[in-house]
Amino acid sequence: MTKLIPIEIEGQKLVQLSQLTIDQANDLRSWLPSDGLKKVHLHGVELQDCLSFETYEYWFKTNHVLSKAYETILDF
């Protein structure tokens, strides 16, 4: 799995769940607490599926790097 690059909005580093594959987004969503996603406004558009890059990075390291999860063709 390739690690996402954060976007910076109002000084916060964020990632969007929609940038992940469906399987990865579902895995991350199930790992997050119910209030883990944020709504952020950017240039008049509401991004509804954002989370802090720090949270994403922790999830990435603990669930994909340390567990040595294997990628499938669907992850590309």
PDB file of N, CA and C in Angstrom:
ATOM      1  N   MET A   1       0.843  -1.178   0.000  1.00  0.00           N
ATOM      2  CA  MET A   1       0.000   0.000   0.000  1.00  0.00           C
ATOM      3  C   MET A   1       0.886   1.237   0.000  1.00  0.00           C
ATOM      4  N   THR A   2       0.527   2.191  -0.791  1.00  0.00           N
ATOM      5  CA  THR A   2       1.249   3.447  -0.855  1.00  0.00           C
ATOM      6  C   THR A   2       0.700   4.407   0.192  1.00  0.00           C
ATOM      7  N   LYS A   3       1.593   5.085   0.869  1.00  0.00           N
ATOM      8  CA  LYS A   3       1.196   6.034   1.905  1.00  0.00           C
ATOM      9  C   LYS A   3       0.716   7.330   1.256  1.00  0.00           C
ATOM     10  N   LEU A   4      -0.396   7.867   1.760  1.00  0.00           N
ATOM     11  CA  LEU A   4      -0.952   9.108   1.232  1.00  0.00           C
ATOM     12  C   LEU A   4      -0.107  10.311   1.622  1.00  0.00           C
ATOM     13  N   ILE A   5      -0.145  11.325   0.802  1.00  0.00           N
ATOM     14  CA  ILE A   5       0.493  12.602   1.089  1.00  0.00           C
ATOM     15  C   ILE A   5      -0.589  13.520   1.636  1.00  0.00           C
ATOM     16  N   PRO A   6      -0.349  14.172   2.761  1.00  0.00           N
ATOM     17  CA  PRO A   6      -1.397  15.005   3.347  1.00  0.00           C
ATOM     18  C   PRO A   6      -1.643  16.295   2.562  1.00  0.00           C
ATOM     19  N   ILE A   7      -2.854  16.808   2.713  1.00  0.00           N
ATOM     20  CA  ILE A   7      -3.166  18.144   2.222  1.00  0.00           C
ATOM     21  C   ILE A   7      -3.180  19.049   3.452  1.00  0.00           C
ATOM     22  N   GLU A   8      -2.798  20.293   3.280  1.00  0.00           N
ATOM     23  CA  GLU A   8      -2.776  21.208   4.410  1.00  0.00           C
ATOM     24  C   GLU A   8      -3.887  22.237   4.234  1.00  0.00           C
ATOM     25  N   ILE A   9      -4.784  22.276   5.209  1.00  0.00           N
ATOM     26  CA  ILE A   9      -5.906  23.212   5.208  1.00  0.00           C
ATOM     27  C   ILE A   9      -5.914  23.920   6.547  1.00  0.00           C
ATOM     28  N   GLU A  10      -5.794  25.235   6.484  1.00  0.00           N
ATOM     29  CA  GLU A  10      -5.777  26.078   7.690  1.00  0.00           C
ATOM     30  C   GLU A  10      -4.775  25.572   8.720  1.00  0.00           C
ATOM     31  N   GLY A  11      -3.595  25.217   8.251  1.00  0.00           N
ATOM     32  CA  GLY A  11      -2.524  24.790   9.140  1.00  0.00           C
ATOM     33  C   GLY A  11      -2.619  23.358   9.631  1.00  0.00           C
ATOM     34  N   GLN A  12      -3.651  22.625   9.208  1.00  0.00           N
ATOM     35  CA  GLN A  12      -3.812  21.232   9.624  1.00  0.00           C
ATOM     36  C   GLN A  12      -3.450  20.310   8.471  1.00  0.00           C
ATOM     37  N   LYS A  13      -2.703  19.265   8.770  1.00  0.00           N
ATOM     38  CA  LYS A  13      -2.394  18.253   7.764  1.00  0.00           C
ATOM     39  C   LYS A  13      -3.489  17.196   7.830  1.00  0.00           C
ATOM     40  N   LEU A  14      -4.158  16.974   6.683  1.00  0.00           N
ATOM     41  CA  LEU A  14      -5.299  16.068   6.620  1.00  0.00           C
ATOM     42  C   LEU A  14      -5.170  15.118   5.442  1.00  0.00           C
ATOM     43  N   VAL A  15      -5.897  14.005   5.515  1.00  0.00           N
ATOM     44  CA  VAL A  15      -6.075  13.109   4.384  1.00  0.00           C
ATOM     45  C   VAL A  15      -7.569  12.825   4.268  1.00  0.00           C
ATOM     46  N   GLN A  16      -7.983  12.419   3.069  1.00  0.00           N
ATOM     47  CA  GLN A  16      -9.375  12.055   2.833  1.00  0.00           C
ATOM     48  C   GLN A  16      -9.495  10.549   2.675  1.00  0.00           C
ATOM     49  N   LEU A  17     -10.506   9.962   3.274  1.00  0.00           N
ATOM     50  CA  LEU A  17     -10.745   8.538   3.118  1.00  0.00           C
ATOM     51  C   LEU A  17     -10.980   8.187   1.655  1.00  0.00           C
ATOM     52  N   SER A  18     -11.572   9.099   0.902  1.00  0.00           N
ATOM     53  CA  SER A  18     -11.866   8.821  -0.506  1.00  0.00           C
ATOM     54  C   SER A  18     -10.606   8.679  -1.353  1.00  0.00           C
ATOM     55  N   GLN A  19      -9.433   9.003  -0.810  1.00  0.00           N
ATOM     56  CA  GLN A  19      -8.184   8.817  -1.539  1.00  0.00           C
ATOM     57  C   GLN A  19      -7.684   7.376  -1.437  1.00  0.00           C
ATOM     58  N   LEU A  20      -8.269   6.594  -0.565  1.00  0.00           N
ATOM     59  CA  LEU A  20      -7.873   5.201  -0.363  1.00  0.00           C
ATOM     60  C   LEU A  20      -8.736   4.271  -1.211  1.00  0.00           C
ATOM     61  N   THR A  21      -8.293   3.027  -1.360  1.00  0.00           N
ATOM     62  CA  THR A  21      -9.142   2.030  -2.000  1.00  0.00           C
ATOM     63  C   THR A  21     -10.336   1.771  -1.085  1.00  0.00           C
ATOM     64  N   ILE A  22     -11.365   1.163  -1.613  1.00  0.00           N
ATOM     65  CA  ILE A  22     -12.560   0.885  -0.815  1.00  0.00           C
ATOM     66  C   ILE A  22     -12.220   0.011   0.386  1.00  0.00           C
ATOM     67  N   ASP A  23     -11.411  -1.032   0.172  1.00  0.00           N
ATOM     68  CA  ASP A  23     -11.035  -1.926   1.274  1.00  0.00           C
ATOM     69  C   ASP A  23     -10.260  -1.192   2.361  1.00  0.00           C
ATOM     70  N   GLN A  24      -9.305  -0.361   1.954  1.00  0.00           N
ATOM     71  CA  GLN A  24      -8.504   0.389   2.919  1.00  0.00           C
ATOM     72  C   GLN A  24      -9.365   1.395   3.665  1.00  0.00           C
ATOM     73  N   ALA A  25     -10.238   2.087   2.953  1.00  0.00           N
ATOM     74  CA  ALA A  25     -11.121   3.071   3.593  1.00  0.00           C
ATOM     75  C   ALA A  25     -12.031   2.386   4.603  1.00  0.00           C
ATOM     76  N   ASN A  26     -12.566   1.224   4.254  1.00  0.00           N
ATOM     77  CA  ASN A  26     -13.421   0.489   5.185  1.00  0.00           C
ATOM     78  C   ASN A  26     -12.646   0.029   6.407  1.00  0.00           C
ATOM     79  N   ASP A  27     -11.415  -0.454   6.202  1.00  0.00           N
ATOM     80  CA  ASP A  27     -10.578  -0.876   7.326  1.00  0.00           C
ATOM     81  C   ASP A  27     -10.312   0.295   8.274  1.00  0.00           C
ATOM     82  N   LEU A  28      -9.950   1.421   7.699  1.00  0.00           N
ATOM     83  CA  LEU A  28      -9.645   2.600   8.512  1.00  0.00           C
ATOM     84  C   LEU A  28     -10.894   3.120   9.212  1.00  0.00           C
ATOM     85  N   ARG A  29     -12.010   3.159   8.495  1.00  0.00           N
ATOM     86  CA  ARG A  29     -13.266   3.645   9.083  1.00  0.00           C
ATOM     87  C   ARG A  29     -13.681   2.767  10.263  1.00  0.00           C
ATOM     88  N   SER A  30     -13.496   1.454  10.148  1.00  0.00           N
ATOM     89  CA  SER A  30     -13.880   0.554  11.242  1.00  0.00           C
ATOM     90  C   SER A  30     -12.941   0.696  12.437  1.00  0.00           C
ATOM     91  N   TRP A  31     -11.722   1.150  12.198  1.00  0.00           N
ATOM     92  CA  TRP A  31     -10.736   1.344  13.258  1.00  0.00           C
ATOM     93  C   TRP A  31     -10.949   2.660  13.998  1.00  0.00           C
ATOM     94  N   LEU A  32     -11.475   3.661  13.307  1.00  0.00           N
ATOM     95  CA  LEU A  32     -11.658   4.993  13.894  1.00  0.00           C
ATOM     96  C   LEU A  32     -12.815   5.022  14.885  1.00  0.00           C
ATOM     97  N   PRO A  33     -12.756   5.914  15.876  1.00  0.00           N
ATOM     98  CA  PRO A  33     -13.925   6.129  16.723  1.00  0.00           C
ATOM     99  C   PRO A  33     -15.028   6.789  15.880  1.00  0.00           C
ATOM    100  N   SER A  34     -16.255   6.748  16.370  1.00  0.00           N
ATOM    101  CA  SER A  34     -17.386   7.262  15.592  1.00  0.00           C
ATOM    102  C   SER A  34     -17.245   8.736  15.220  1.00  0.00           C
ATOM    103  N   ASP A  35     -16.507   9.505  16.020  1.00  0.00           N
ATOM    104  CA  ASP A  35     -16.326  10.931  15.714  1.00  0.00           C
ATOM    105  C   ASP A  35     -14.946  11.210  15.104  1.00  0.00           C
ATOM    106  N   GLY A  36     -14.346  10.205  14.482  1.00  0.00           N
ATOM    107  CA  GLY A  36     -12.986  10.323  13.958  1.00  0.00           C
ATOM    108  C   GLY A  36     -12.858  11.108  12.668  1.00  0.00           C
ATOM    109  N   LEU A  37     -13.938  11.223  11.916  1.00  0.00           N
ATOM    110  CA  LEU A  37     -13.880  11.955  10.652  1.00  0.00           C
ATOM    111  C   LEU A  37     -14.316  13.403  10.848  1.00  0.00           C
ATOM    112  N   LYS A  38     -13.713  14.293  10.062  1.00  0.00           N
ATOM    113  CA  LYS A  38     -13.992  15.728  10.165  1.00  0.00           C
ATOM    114  C   LYS A  38     -14.565  16.230   8.850  1.00  0.00           C
ATOM    115  N   LYS A  39     -15.404  17.258   8.941  1.00  0.00           N
ATOM    116  CA  LYS A  39     -15.865  17.984   7.761  1.00  0.00           C
ATOM    117  C   LYS A  39     -15.031  19.246   7.659  1.00  0.00           C
ATOM    118  N   VAL A  40     -14.470  19.486   6.481  1.00  0.00           N
ATOM    119  CA  VAL A  40     -13.587  20.627   6.270  1.00  0.00           C
ATOM    120  C   VAL A  40     -14.049  21.360   5.009  1.00  0.00           C
ATOM    121  N   HIS A  41     -14.030  22.675   5.045  1.00  0.00           N
ATOM    122  CA  HIS A  41     -14.396  23.476   3.876  1.00  0.00           C
ATOM    123  C   HIS A  41     -13.128  23.947   3.175  1.00  0.00           C
ATOM    124  N   LEU A  42     -13.102  23.743   1.857  1.00  0.00           N
ATOM    125  CA  LEU A  42     -11.964  24.144   1.045  1.00  0.00           C
ATOM    126  C   LEU A  42     -12.488  24.742  -0.260  1.00  0.00           C
ATOM    127  N   HIS A  43     -12.257  26.014  -0.448  1.00  0.00           N
ATOM    128  CA  HIS A  43     -12.679  26.714  -1.668  1.00  0.00           C
ATOM    129  C   HIS A  43     -14.161  26.518  -1.960  1.00  0.00           C
ATOM    130  N   GLY A  44     -14.991  26.605  -0.932  1.00  0.00           N
ATOM    131  CA  GLY A  44     -16.434  26.485  -1.101  1.00  0.00           C
ATOM    132  C   GLY A  44     -16.955  25.067  -1.214  1.00  0.00           C
ATOM    133  N   VAL A  45     -16.092  24.089  -1.066  1.00  0.00           N
ATOM    134  CA  VAL A  45     -16.496  22.685  -1.148  1.00  0.00           C
ATOM    135  C   VAL A  45     -16.323  22.049   0.225  1.00  0.00           C
ATOM    136  N   GLU A  46     -17.328  21.287   0.642  1.00  0.00           N
ATOM    137  CA  GLU A  46     -17.230  20.595   1.928  1.00  0.00           C
ATOM    138  C   GLU A  46     -16.657  19.200   1.714  1.00  0.00           C
ATOM    139  N   LEU A  47     -15.528  18.942   2.335  1.00  0.00           N
ATOM    140  CA  LEU A  47     -14.899  17.622   2.317  1.00  0.00           C
ATOM    141  C   LEU A  47     -15.352  16.901   3.576  1.00  0.00           C
ATOM    142  N   GLN A  48     -16.115  15.827   3.421  1.00  0.00           N
ATOM    143  CA  GLN A  48     -16.757  15.194   4.572  1.00  0.00           C
ATOM    144  C   GLN A  48     -15.982  14.046   5.190  1.00  0.00           C
ATOM    145  N   ASP A  49     -14.952  13.580   4.534  1.00  0.00           N
ATOM    146  CA  ASP A  49     -14.291  12.359   4.992  1.00  0.00           C
ATOM    147  C   ASP A  49     -12.821  12.581   5.338  1.00  0.00           C
ATOM    148  N   CYS A  50     -12.535  13.636   6.060  1.00  0.00           N
ATOM    149  CA  CYS A  50     -11.150  13.975   6.408  1.00  0.00           C
ATOM    150  C   CYS A  50     -10.783  13.478   7.800  1.00  0.00           C
ATOM    151  N   LEU A  51      -9.510  13.186   7.975  1.00  0.00           N
ATOM    152  CA  LEU A  51      -8.984  12.887   9.288  1.00  0.00           C
ATOM    153  C   LEU A  51      -7.569  13.420   9.357  1.00  0.00           C
ATOM    154  N   SER A  52      -7.091  13.608  10.559  1.00  0.00           N
ATOM    155  CA  SER A  52      -5.750  14.171  10.716  1.00  0.00           C
ATOM    156  C   SER A  52      -4.721  13.209  10.139  1.00  0.00           C
ATOM    157  N   PHE A  53      -3.685  13.791   9.569  1.00  0.00           N
ATOM    158  CA  PHE A  53      -2.624  12.976   8.994  1.00  0.00           C
ATOM    159  C   PHE A  53      -1.943  12.153  10.074  1.00  0.00           C
ATOM    160  N   GLU A  54      -1.832  12.692  11.272  1.00  0.00           N
ATOM    161  CA  GLU A  54      -1.207  11.957  12.377  1.00  0.00           C
ATOM    162  C   GLU A  54      -1.979  10.669  12.680  1.00  0.00           C
ATOM    163  N   THR A  55      -3.293  10.761  12.696  1.00  0.00           N
ATOM    164  CA  THR A  55      -4.121   9.579  12.944  1.00  0.00           C
ATOM    165  C   THR A  55      -3.954   8.574  11.822  1.00  0.00           C
ATOM    166  N   TYR A  56      -4.007   9.059  10.586  1.00  0.00           N
ATOM    167  CA  TYR A  56      -3.824   8.190   9.421  1.00  0.00           C
ATOM    168  C   TYR A  56      -2.455   7.519   9.466  1.00  0.00           C
ATOM    169  N   GLU A  57      -1.417   8.292   9.774  1.00  0.00           N
ATOM    170  CA  GLU A  57      -0.061   7.760   9.804  1.00  0.00           C
ATOM    171  C   GLU A  57       0.078   6.665  10.860  1.00  0.00           C
ATOM    172  N   TYR A  58      -0.520   6.873  12.022  1.00  0.00           N
ATOM    173  CA  TYR A  58      -0.493   5.858  13.077  1.00  0.00           C
ATOM    174  C   TYR A  58      -1.184   4.580  12.596  1.00  0.00           C
ATOM    175  N   TRP A  59      -2.362   4.732  12.005  1.00  0.00           N
ATOM    176  CA  TRP A  59      -3.097   3.583  11.476  1.00  0.00           C
ATOM    177  C   TRP A  59      -2.268   2.876  10.403  1.00  0.00           C
ATOM    178  N   PHE A  60      -1.675   3.645   9.514  1.00  0.00           N
ATOM    179  CA  PHE A  60      -0.864   3.091   8.430  1.00  0.00           C
ATOM    180  C   PHE A  60       0.275   2.244   8.991  1.00  0.00           C
ATOM    181  N   LYS A  61       0.977   2.798   9.963  1.00  0.00           N
ATOM    182  CA  LYS A  61       2.117   2.080  10.539  1.00  0.00           C
ATOM    183  C   LYS A  61       1.690   0.831  11.307  1.00  0.00           C
ATOM    184  N   THR A  62       0.673   0.951  12.121  1.00  0.00           N
ATOM    185  CA  THR A  62       0.288  -0.177  12.971  1.00  0.00           C
ATOM    186  C   THR A  62      -0.467  -1.259  12.221  1.00  0.00           C
ATOM    187  N   ASN A  63      -1.234  -0.883  11.217  1.00  0.00           N
ATOM    188  CA  ASN A  63      -2.062  -1.875  10.539  1.00  0.00           C
ATOM    189  C   ASN A  63      -1.510  -2.374   9.215  1.00  0.00           C
ATOM    190  N   HIS A  64      -0.555  -1.679   8.636  1.00  0.00           N
ATOM    191  CA  HIS A  64      -0.061  -2.116   7.339  1.00  0.00           C
ATOM    192  C   HIS A  64       1.443  -2.340   7.310  1.00  0.00           C
ATOM    193  N   VAL A  65       2.201  -1.541   7.991  1.00  0.00           N
ATOM    194  CA  VAL A  65       3.651  -1.705   7.964  1.00  0.00           C
ATOM    195  C   VAL A  65       4.087  -2.738   9.000  1.00  0.00           C
ATOM    196  N   LEU A  66       3.680  -2.559  10.235  1.00  0.00           N
ATOM    197  CA  LEU A  66       4.115  -3.471  11.286  1.00  0.00           C
ATOM    198  C   LEU A  66       3.497  -4.861  11.161  1.00  0.00           C
ATOM    199  N   SER A  67       2.281  -4.924  10.641  1.00  0.00           N
ATOM    200  CA  SER A  67       1.646  -6.228  10.489  1.00  0.00           C
ATOM    201  C   SER A  67       2.103  -6.932   9.218  1.00  0.00           C
ATOM    202  N   LYS A  68       2.860  -6.211   8.388  1.00  0.00           N
ATOM    203  CA  LYS A  68       3.367  -6.755   7.123  1.00  0.00           C
ATOM    204  C   LYS A  68       2.238  -7.283   6.266  1.00  0.00           C
ATOM    205  N   ALA A  69       1.166  -6.513   6.204  1.00  0.00           N
ATOM    206  CA  ALA A  69       0.020  -6.899   5.381  1.00  0.00           C
ATOM    207  C   ALA A  69       0.433  -6.926   3.917  1.00  0.00           C
ATOM    208  N   TYR A  70      -0.047  -7.905   3.230  1.00  0.00           N
ATOM    209  CA  TYR A  70       0.291  -8.043   1.820  1.00  0.00           C
ATOM    210  C   TYR A  70      -0.712  -7.296   0.960  1.00  0.00           C
ATOM    211  N   GLU A  71      -0.210  -6.715  -0.109  1.00  0.00           N
ATOM    212  CA  GLU A  71      -1.077  -6.003  -1.028  1.00  0.00           C
ATOM    213  C   GLU A  71      -1.665  -6.977  -2.026  1.00  0.00           C
ATOM    214  N   THR A  72      -2.844  -6.649  -2.490  1.00  0.00           N
ATOM    215  CA  THR A  72      -3.451  -7.415  -3.550  1.00  0.00           C
ATOM    216  C   THR A  72      -3.517  -6.538  -4.788  1.00  0.00           C
ATOM    217  N   ILE A  73      -3.923  -7.113  -5.874  1.00  0.00           N
ATOM    218  CA  ILE A  73      -4.044  -6.344  -7.111  1.00  0.00           C
ATOM    219  C   ILE A  73      -5.053  -5.209  -6.934  1.00  0.00           C
ATOM    220  N   LEU A  74      -6.026  -5.360  -6.038  1.00  0.00           N
ATOM    221  CA  LEU A  74      -7.037  -4.330  -5.805  1.00  0.00           C
ATOM    222  C   LEU A  74      -6.479  -3.097  -5.094  1.00  0.00           C
ATOM    223  N   ASP A  75      -5.310  -3.228  -4.470  1.00  0.00           N
ATOM    224  CA  ASP A  75      -4.714  -2.096  -3.754  1.00  0.00           C
ATOM    225  C   ASP A  75      -3.970  -1.144  -4.672  1.00  0.00           C
ATOM    226  N   PHE A  76      -3.814  -1.474  -5.928  1.00  0.00           N
ATOM    227  CA  PHE A  76      -3.058  -0.629  -6.841  1.00  0.00           C
ATOM    228  C   PHE A  76      -3.939   0.286  -7.633  1.00  0.00           C
TER     229      PHE A  76
END
